[in-house]
Amino acid sequence: MILNNIRNYLNNNSYNINLSKNQLYINNYNKIDNINDKNISIIFNDFKLNIDGINIKVIKMIDKEILFNGQIESIKIIPIK
């Protein structure tokens, strides 16, 4: 039972997007399409996430996990057909 719970936790493929003041945390994405100081585009299974802002910087980047810092001005979800 405990081993199954640990295995399920480690193999969890659901994504997570957290926005707090001047920080954006994303995990379990498929691909980073674009990153610069004004725009980020990240692709998930069924949508693309576009983030626009000012002075966007990557603070932390690990396998399928990324943390940005900067002034976030807009977030758009674009469905992938």
PDB file of N, CA and C in Angstrom:
ATOM      1  N   MET A   1       0.819  -1.199   0.000  1.00  0.00           N
ATOM      2  CA  MET A   1       0.000   0.000   0.000  1.00  0.00           C
ATOM      3  C   MET A   1       0.864   1.264   0.000  1.00  0.00           C
ATOM      4  N   ILE A   2       1.799   1.354   0.936  1.00  0.00           N
ATOM      5  CA  ILE A   2       2.658   2.538   1.007  1.00  0.00           C
ATOM      6  C   ILE A   2       3.518   2.647  -0.245  1.00  0.00           C
ATOM      7  N   LEU A   3       4.037   1.517  -0.703  1.00  0.00           N
ATOM      8  CA  LEU A   3       4.857   1.521  -1.913  1.00  0.00           C
ATOM      9  C   LEU A   3       4.053   1.983  -3.123  1.00  0.00           C
ATOM     10  N   ASN A   4       2.803   1.569  -3.230  1.00  0.00           N
ATOM     11  CA  ASN A   4       1.945   2.019  -4.334  1.00  0.00           C
ATOM     12  C   ASN A   4       1.696   3.520  -4.265  1.00  0.00           C
ATOM     13  N   ASN A   5       1.484   4.053  -3.062  1.00  0.00           N
ATOM     14  CA  ASN A   5       1.273   5.501  -2.905  1.00  0.00           C
ATOM     15  C   ASN A   5       2.509   6.289  -3.326  1.00  0.00           C
ATOM     16  N   ILE A   6       3.673   5.809  -2.947  1.00  0.00           N
ATOM     17  CA  ILE A   6       4.924   6.478  -3.337  1.00  0.00           C
ATOM     18  C   ILE A   6       5.108   6.401  -4.845  1.00  0.00           C
ATOM     19  N   ARG A   7       4.858   5.243  -5.435  1.00  0.00           N
ATOM     20  CA  ARG A   7       4.989   5.071  -6.878  1.00  0.00           C
ATOM     21  C   ARG A   7       4.023   5.988  -7.631  1.00  0.00           C
ATOM     22  N   ASN A   8       2.771   6.082  -7.168  1.00  0.00           N
ATOM     23  CA  ASN A   8       1.792   6.974  -7.803  1.00  0.00           C
ATOM     24  C   ASN A   8       2.215   8.434  -7.708  1.00  0.00           C
ATOM     25  N   TYR A   9       2.761   8.819  -6.563  1.00  0.00           N
ATOM     26  CA  TYR A   9       3.229  10.201  -6.386  1.00  0.00           C
ATOM     27  C   TYR A   9       4.379  10.517  -7.337  1.00  0.00           C
ATOM     28  N   LEU A  10       5.332   9.616  -7.461  1.00  0.00           N
ATOM     29  CA  LEU A  10       6.495   9.840  -8.312  1.00  0.00           C
ATOM     30  C   LEU A  10       6.151   9.794  -9.800  1.00  0.00           C
ATOM     31  N   ASN A  11       5.134   9.058 -10.173  1.00  0.00           N
ATOM     32  CA  ASN A  11       4.746   8.923 -11.577  1.00  0.00           C
ATOM     33  C   ASN A  11       3.595   9.840 -11.969  1.00  0.00           C
ATOM     34  N   ASN A  12       3.269  10.795 -11.130  1.00  0.00           N
ATOM     35  CA  ASN A  12       2.172  11.712 -11.409  1.00  0.00           C
ATOM     36  C   ASN A  12       2.535  12.614 -12.585  1.00  0.00           C
ATOM     37  N   ASN A  13       1.710  12.586 -13.633  1.00  0.00           N
ATOM     38  CA  ASN A  13       1.972  13.384 -14.835  1.00  0.00           C
ATOM     39  C   ASN A  13       1.059  14.591 -14.961  1.00  0.00           C
ATOM     40  N   SER A  14       0.237  14.880 -13.960  1.00  0.00           N
ATOM     41  CA  SER A  14      -0.617  16.054 -14.057  1.00  0.00           C
ATOM     42  C   SER A  14       0.233  17.314 -13.907  1.00  0.00           C
ATOM     43  N   TYR A  15      -0.146  18.346 -14.606  1.00  0.00           N
ATOM     44  CA  TYR A  15       0.629  19.577 -14.571  1.00  0.00           C
ATOM     45  C   TYR A  15       0.186  20.457 -13.410  1.00  0.00           C
ATOM     46  N   ASN A  16       1.032  21.428 -13.097  1.00  0.00           N
ATOM     47  CA  ASN A  16       0.763  22.356 -12.018  1.00  0.00           C
ATOM     48  C   ASN A  16       1.284  23.724 -12.450  1.00  0.00           C
ATOM     49  N   ILE A  17       0.442  24.745 -12.332  1.00  0.00           N
ATOM     50  CA  ILE A  17       0.826  26.117 -12.656  1.00  0.00           C
ATOM     51  C   ILE A  17       0.452  26.986 -11.459  1.00  0.00           C
ATOM     52  N   ASN A  18       1.452  27.597 -10.830  1.00  0.00           N
ATOM     53  CA  ASN A  18       1.218  28.452  -9.662  1.00  0.00           C
ATOM     54  C   ASN A  18       1.757  29.850  -9.938  1.00  0.00           C
ATOM     55  N   LEU A  19       0.888  30.823  -9.757  1.00  0.00           N
ATOM     56  CA  LEU A  19       1.270  32.216  -9.936  1.00  0.00           C
ATOM     57  C   LEU A  19       1.176  32.917  -8.594  1.00  0.00           C
ATOM     58  N   SER A  20       2.277  33.532  -8.182  1.00  0.00           N
ATOM     59  CA  SER A  20       2.273  34.362  -6.988  1.00  0.00           C
ATOM     60  C   SER A  20       2.884  35.709  -7.378  1.00  0.00           C
ATOM     61  N   LYS A  21       3.015  36.592  -6.445  1.00  0.00           N
ATOM     62  CA  LYS A  21       3.526  37.926  -6.779  1.00  0.00           C
ATOM     63  C   LYS A  21       4.911  37.807  -7.411  1.00  0.00           C
ATOM     64  N   ASN A  22       5.002  38.186  -8.680  1.00  0.00           N
ATOM     65  CA  ASN A  22       6.247  38.220  -9.452  1.00  0.00           C
ATOM     66  C   ASN A  22       6.928  36.869  -9.627  1.00  0.00           C
ATOM     67  N   GLN A  23       6.207  35.757  -9.398  1.00  0.00           N
ATOM     68  CA  GLN A  23       6.781  34.429  -9.638  1.00  0.00           C
ATOM     69  C   GLN A  23       5.757  33.524 -10.297  1.00  0.00           C
ATOM     70  N   LEU A  24       6.247  32.658 -11.171  1.00  0.00           N
ATOM     71  CA  LEU A  24       5.411  31.681 -11.852  1.00  0.00           C
ATOM     72  C   LEU A  24       6.131  30.338 -11.804  1.00  0.00           C
ATOM     73  N   TYR A  25       5.460  29.333 -11.241  1.00  0.00           N
ATOM     74  CA  TYR A  25       6.012  27.983 -11.136  1.00  0.00           C
ATOM     75  C   TYR A  25       5.191  27.050 -12.012  1.00  0.00           C
ATOM     76  N   ILE A  26       5.859  26.246 -12.837  1.00  0.00           N
ATOM     77  CA  ILE A  26       5.191  25.314 -13.745  1.00  0.00           C
ATOM     78  C   ILE A  26       5.905  23.974 -13.652  1.00  0.00           C
ATOM     79  N   ASN A  27       5.116  22.877 -13.600  1.00  0.00           N
ATOM     80  CA  ASN A  27       5.749  21.566 -13.673  1.00  0.00           C
ATOM     81  C   ASN A  27       4.939  20.628 -14.568  1.00  0.00           C
ATOM     82  N   ASN A  28       5.600  19.584 -15.012  1.00  0.00           N
ATOM     83  CA  ASN A  28       5.048  18.550 -15.895  1.00  0.00           C
ATOM     84  C   ASN A  28       4.571  19.097 -17.241  1.00  0.00           C
ATOM     85  N   TYR A  29       5.317  20.000 -17.812  1.00  0.00           N
ATOM     86  CA  TYR A  29       5.042  20.483 -19.166  1.00  0.00           C
ATOM     87  C   TYR A  29       5.711  19.538 -20.168  1.00  0.00           C
ATOM     88  N   ASN A  30       5.335  19.656 -21.439  1.00  0.00           N
ATOM     89  CA  ASN A  30       5.939  18.810 -22.475  1.00  0.00           C
ATOM     90  C   ASN A  30       7.182  19.429 -23.085  1.00  0.00           C
ATOM     91  N   LYS A  31       7.090  20.726 -23.403  1.00  0.00           N
ATOM     92  CA  LYS A  31       8.176  21.363 -24.147  1.00  0.00           C
ATOM     93  C   LYS A  31       8.155  22.867 -23.908  1.00  0.00           C
ATOM     94  N   ILE A  32       9.340  23.453 -23.833  1.00  0.00           N
ATOM     95  CA  ILE A  32       9.454  24.909 -23.794  1.00  0.00           C
ATOM     96  C   ILE A  32       9.625  25.380 -25.229  1.00  0.00           C
ATOM     97  N   ASP A  33       8.678  26.172 -25.688  1.00  0.00           N
ATOM     98  CA  ASP A  33       8.690  26.657 -27.070  1.00  0.00           C
ATOM     99  C   ASP A  33       9.548  27.910 -27.210  1.00  0.00           C
ATOM    100  N   ASN A  34       9.471  28.814 -26.220  1.00  0.00           N
ATOM    101  CA  ASN A  34      10.204  30.082 -26.290  1.00  0.00           C
ATOM    102  C   ASN A  34      10.380  30.652 -24.885  1.00  0.00           C
ATOM    103  N   ILE A  35      11.552  31.195 -24.632  1.00  0.00           N
ATOM    104  CA  ILE A  35      11.798  31.949 -23.393  1.00  0.00           C
ATOM    105  C   ILE A  35      12.663  33.155 -23.737  1.00  0.00           C
ATOM    106  N   ASN A  36      12.181  34.326 -23.371  1.00  0.00           N
ATOM    107  CA  ASN A  36      13.013  35.525 -23.392  1.00  0.00           C
ATOM    108  C   ASN A  36      12.537  36.429 -22.265  1.00  0.00           C
ATOM    109  N   ASP A  37      13.086  37.621 -22.152  1.00  0.00           N
ATOM    110  CA  ASP A  37      12.754  38.473 -21.002  1.00  0.00           C
ATOM    111  C   ASP A  37      11.370  39.092 -21.069  1.00  0.00           C
ATOM    112  N   LYS A  38      10.630  38.897 -22.194  1.00  0.00           N
ATOM    113  CA  LYS A  38       9.289  39.462 -22.342  1.00  0.00           C
ATOM    114  C   LYS A  38       8.208  38.424 -22.608  1.00  0.00           C
ATOM    115  N   ASN A  39       8.605  37.198 -22.985  1.00  0.00           N
ATOM    116  CA  ASN A  39       7.616  36.193 -23.356  1.00  0.00           C
ATOM    117  C   ASN A  39       8.109  34.786 -23.061  1.00  0.00           C
ATOM    118  N   ILE A  40       7.172  33.957 -22.610  1.00  0.00           N
ATOM    119  CA  ILE A  40       7.426  32.532 -22.392  1.00  0.00           C
ATOM    120  C   ILE A  40       6.299  31.775 -23.090  1.00  0.00           C
ATOM    121  N   SER A  41       6.632  30.727 -23.824  1.00  0.00           N
ATOM    122  CA  SER A  41       5.637  29.835 -24.420  1.00  0.00           C
ATOM    123  C   SER A  41       5.990  28.414 -24.012  1.00  0.00           C
ATOM    124  N   ILE A  42       5.029  27.750 -23.387  1.00  0.00           N
ATOM    125  CA  ILE A  42       5.250  26.386 -22.911  1.00  0.00           C
ATOM    126  C   ILE A  42       4.114  25.509 -23.432  1.00  0.00           C
ATOM    127  N   ILE A  43       4.478  24.339 -23.946  1.00  0.00           N
ATOM    128  CA  ILE A  43       3.505  23.422 -24.532  1.00  0.00           C
ATOM    129  C   ILE A  43       3.210  22.286 -23.555  1.00  0.00           C
ATOM    130  N   PHE A  44       1.915  22.039 -23.357  1.00  0.00           N
ATOM    131  CA  PHE A  44       1.421  20.912 -22.571  1.00  0.00           C
ATOM    132  C   PHE A  44       0.749  19.926 -23.533  1.00  0.00           C
ATOM    133  N   ASN A  45       0.150  18.869 -23.017  1.00  0.00           N
ATOM    134  CA  ASN A  45      -0.489  17.874 -23.883  1.00  0.00           C
ATOM    135  C   ASN A  45      -1.581  18.462 -24.767  1.00  0.00           C
ATOM    136  N   ASP A  46      -2.449  19.278 -24.193  1.00  0.00           N
ATOM    137  CA  ASP A  46      -3.613  19.752 -24.935  1.00  0.00           C
ATOM    138  C   ASP A  46      -3.732  21.270 -25.062  1.00  0.00           C
ATOM    139  N   PHE A  47      -2.723  22.010 -24.627  1.00  0.00           N
ATOM    140  CA  PHE A  47      -2.757  23.464 -24.792  1.00  0.00           C
ATOM    141  C   PHE A  47      -1.342  24.036 -24.752  1.00  0.00           C
ATOM    142  N   LYS A  48      -1.259  25.287 -25.215  1.00  0.00           N
ATOM    143  CA  LYS A  48      -0.013  26.059 -25.158  1.00  0.00           C
ATOM    144  C   LYS A  48      -0.254  27.226 -24.211  1.00  0.00           C
ATOM    145  N   LEU A  49       0.696  27.475 -23.336  1.00  0.00           N
ATOM    146  CA  LEU A  49       0.604  28.554 -22.367  1.00  0.00           C
ATOM    147  C   LEU A  49       1.539  29.674 -22.805  1.00  0.00           C
ATOM    148  N   ASN A  50       0.986  30.870 -23.039  1.00  0.00           N
ATOM    149  CA  ASN A  50       1.781  32.046 -23.401  1.00  0.00           C
ATOM    150  C   ASN A  50       1.746  33.033 -22.248  1.00  0.00           C
ATOM    151  N   ILE A  51       2.911  33.420 -21.779  1.00  0.00           N
ATOM    152  CA  ILE A  51       3.033  34.369 -20.684  1.00  0.00           C
ATOM    153  C   ILE A  51       3.797  35.587 -21.199  1.00  0.00           C
ATOM    154  N   ASP A  52       3.225  36.762 -21.015  1.00  0.00           N
ATOM    155  CA  ASP A  52       3.884  38.012 -21.381  1.00  0.00           C
ATOM    156  C   ASP A  52       4.195  38.794 -20.116  1.00  0.00           C
ATOM    157  N   GLY A  53       5.327  39.490 -20.118  1.00  0.00           N
ATOM    158  CA  GLY A  53       5.702  40.263 -18.952  1.00  0.00           C
ATOM    159  C   GLY A  53       6.939  41.107 -19.189  1.00  0.00           C
ATOM    160  N   ILE A  54       7.523  41.567 -18.110  1.00  0.00           N
ATOM    161  CA  ILE A  54       8.703  42.428 -18.136  1.00  0.00           C
ATOM    162  C   ILE A  54       9.771  41.802 -17.241  1.00  0.00           C
ATOM    163  N   ASN A  55      11.003  41.792 -17.729  1.00  0.00           N
ATOM    164  CA  ASN A  55      12.149  41.267 -16.964  1.00  0.00           C
ATOM    165  C   ASN A  55      11.930  39.838 -16.460  1.00  0.00           C
ATOM    166  N   ILE A  56      11.414  38.985 -17.318  1.00  0.00           N
ATOM    167  CA  ILE A  56      11.193  37.590 -16.943  1.00  0.00           C
ATOM    168  C   ILE A  56      12.537  36.860 -16.953  1.00  0.00           C
ATOM    169  N   LYS A  57      12.813  36.156 -15.859  1.00  0.00           N
ATOM    170  CA  LYS A  57      14.072  35.409 -15.725  1.00  0.00           C
ATOM    171  C   LYS A  57      13.778  34.016 -15.183  1.00  0.00           C
ATOM    172  N   VAL A  58      14.548  33.051 -15.655  1.00  0.00           N
ATOM    173  CA  VAL A  58      14.451  31.698 -15.122  1.00  0.00           C
ATOM    174  C   VAL A  58      15.244  31.650 -13.821  1.00  0.00           C
ATOM    175  N   ILE A  59      14.581  31.259 -12.740  1.00  0.00           N
ATOM    176  CA  ILE A  59      15.211  31.173 -11.428  1.00  0.00           C
ATOM    177  C   ILE A  59      15.669  29.747 -11.154  1.00  0.00           C
ATOM    178  N   LYS A  60      14.836  28.791 -11.533  1.00  0.00           N
ATOM    179  CA  LYS A  60      15.130  27.383 -11.264  1.00  0.00           C
ATOM    180  C   LYS A  60      14.597  26.558 -12.428  1.00  0.00           C
ATOM    181  N   MET A  61      15.396  25.591 -12.877  1.00  0.00           N
ATOM    182  CA  MET A  61      14.962  24.731 -13.970  1.00  0.00           C
ATOM    183  C   MET A  61      15.499  23.332 -13.738  1.00  0.00           C
ATOM    184  N   ILE A  62      14.573  22.400 -13.507  1.00  0.00           N
ATOM    185  CA  ILE A  62      14.884  20.991 -13.319  1.00  0.00           C
ATOM    186  C   ILE A  62      13.994  20.232 -14.298  1.00  0.00           C
ATOM    187  N   ASP A  63      14.229  18.971 -14.480  1.00  0.00           N
ATOM    188  CA  ASP A  63      13.453  18.151 -15.411  1.00  0.00           C
ATOM    189  C   ASP A  63      11.949  18.384 -15.266  1.00  0.00           C
ATOM    190  N   LYS A  64      11.347  18.988 -16.281  1.00  0.00           N
ATOM    191  CA  LYS A  64       9.905  19.268 -16.359  1.00  0.00           C
ATOM    192  C   LYS A  64       9.393  20.162 -15.234  1.00  0.00           C
ATOM    193  N   GLU A  65      10.280  20.978 -14.671  1.00  0.00           N
ATOM    194  CA  GLU A  65       9.918  21.890 -13.588  1.00  0.00           C
ATOM    195  C   GLU A  65      10.678  23.187 -13.801  1.00  0.00           C
ATOM    196  N   ILE A  66       9.952  24.332 -13.764  1.00  0.00           N
ATOM    197  CA  ILE A  66      10.609  25.613 -14.018  1.00  0.00           C
ATOM    198  C   ILE A  66       9.970  26.706 -13.162  1.00  0.00           C
ATOM    199  N   LEU A  67      10.800  27.621 -12.681  1.00  0.00           N
ATOM    200  CA  LEU A  67      10.359  28.748 -11.867  1.00  0.00           C
ATOM    201  C   LEU A  67      10.865  30.027 -12.517  1.00  0.00           C
ATOM    202  N   PHE A  68       9.937  30.966 -12.740  1.00  0.00           N
ATOM    203  CA  PHE A  68      10.259  32.258 -13.352  1.00  0.00           C
ATOM    204  C   PHE A  68      10.052  33.362 -12.329  1.00  0.00           C
ATOM    205  N   ASN A  69      10.782  34.450 -12.519  1.00  0.00           N
ATOM    206  CA  ASN A  69      10.639  35.655 -11.720  1.00  0.00           C
ATOM    207  C   ASN A  69      10.500  36.821 -12.679  1.00  0.00           C
ATOM    208  N   GLY A  70       9.700  37.806 -12.342  1.00  0.00           N
ATOM    209  CA  GLY A  70       9.508  38.986 -13.182  1.00  0.00           C
ATOM    210  C   GLY A  70       8.101  39.514 -13.044  1.00  0.00           C
ATOM    211  N   GLN A  71       7.811  40.572 -13.769  1.00  0.00           N
ATOM    212  CA  GLN A  71       6.477  41.175 -13.733  1.00  0.00           C
ATOM    213  C   GLN A  71       5.611  40.496 -14.790  1.00  0.00           C
ATOM    214  N   ILE A  72       4.670  39.658 -14.369  1.00  0.00           N
ATOM    215  CA  ILE A  72       3.774  38.953 -15.273  1.00  0.00           C
ATOM    216  C   ILE A  72       2.617  39.889 -15.628  1.00  0.00           C
ATOM    217  N   GLU A  73       2.421  40.130 -16.927  1.00  0.00           N
ATOM    218  CA  GLU A  73       1.359  41.025 -17.373  1.00  0.00           C
ATOM    219  C   GLU A  73       0.141  40.283 -17.908  1.00  0.00           C
ATOM    220  N   SER A  74       0.347  39.152 -18.568  1.00  0.00           N
ATOM    221  CA  SER A  74      -0.796  38.386 -19.087  1.00  0.00           C
ATOM    222  C   SER A  74      -0.417  36.921 -19.255  1.00  0.00           C
ATOM    223  N   ILE A  75      -1.448  36.073 -19.115  1.00  0.00           N
ATOM    224  CA  ILE A  75      -1.306  34.637 -19.322  1.00  0.00           C
ATOM    225  C   ILE A  75      -2.438  34.208 -20.246  1.00  0.00           C
ATOM    226  N   LYS A  76      -2.095  33.520 -21.330  1.00  0.00           N
ATOM    227  CA  LYS A  76      -3.091  33.063 -22.295  1.00  0.00           C
ATOM    228  C   LYS A  76      -2.954  31.555 -22.485  1.00  0.00           C
ATOM    229  N   ILE A  77      -4.100  30.880 -22.499  1.00  0.00           N
ATOM    230  CA  ILE A  77      -4.137  29.453 -22.783  1.00  0.00           C
ATOM    231  C   ILE A  77      -4.683  29.270 -24.194  1.00  0.00           C
ATOM    232  N   ILE A  78      -3.915  28.608 -25.030  1.00  0.00           N
ATOM    233  CA  ILE A  78      -4.307  28.383 -26.422  1.00  0.00           C
ATOM    234  C   ILE A  78      -4.486  26.890 -26.614  1.00  0.00           C
ATOM    235  N   PRO A  79      -5.712  26.434 -26.894  1.00  0.00           N
ATOM    236  CA  PRO A  79      -5.953  24.994 -27.099  1.00  0.00           C
ATOM    237  C   PRO A  79      -5.163  24.472 -28.307  1.00  0.00           C
ATOM    238  N   ILE A  80      -4.675  23.243 -28.180  1.00  0.00           N
ATOM    239  CA  ILE A  80      -4.000  22.566 -29.297  1.00  0.00           C
ATOM    240  C   ILE A  80      -4.987  21.573 -29.871  1.00  0.00           C
ATOM    241  N   LYS A  81      -5.193  21.654 -31.178  1.00  0.00           N
ATOM    242  CA  LYS A  81      -6.166  20.761 -31.821  1.00  0.00           C
ATOM    243  C   LYS A  81      -5.504  19.530 -32.348  1.00  0.00           C
TER     244      LYS A  81
END
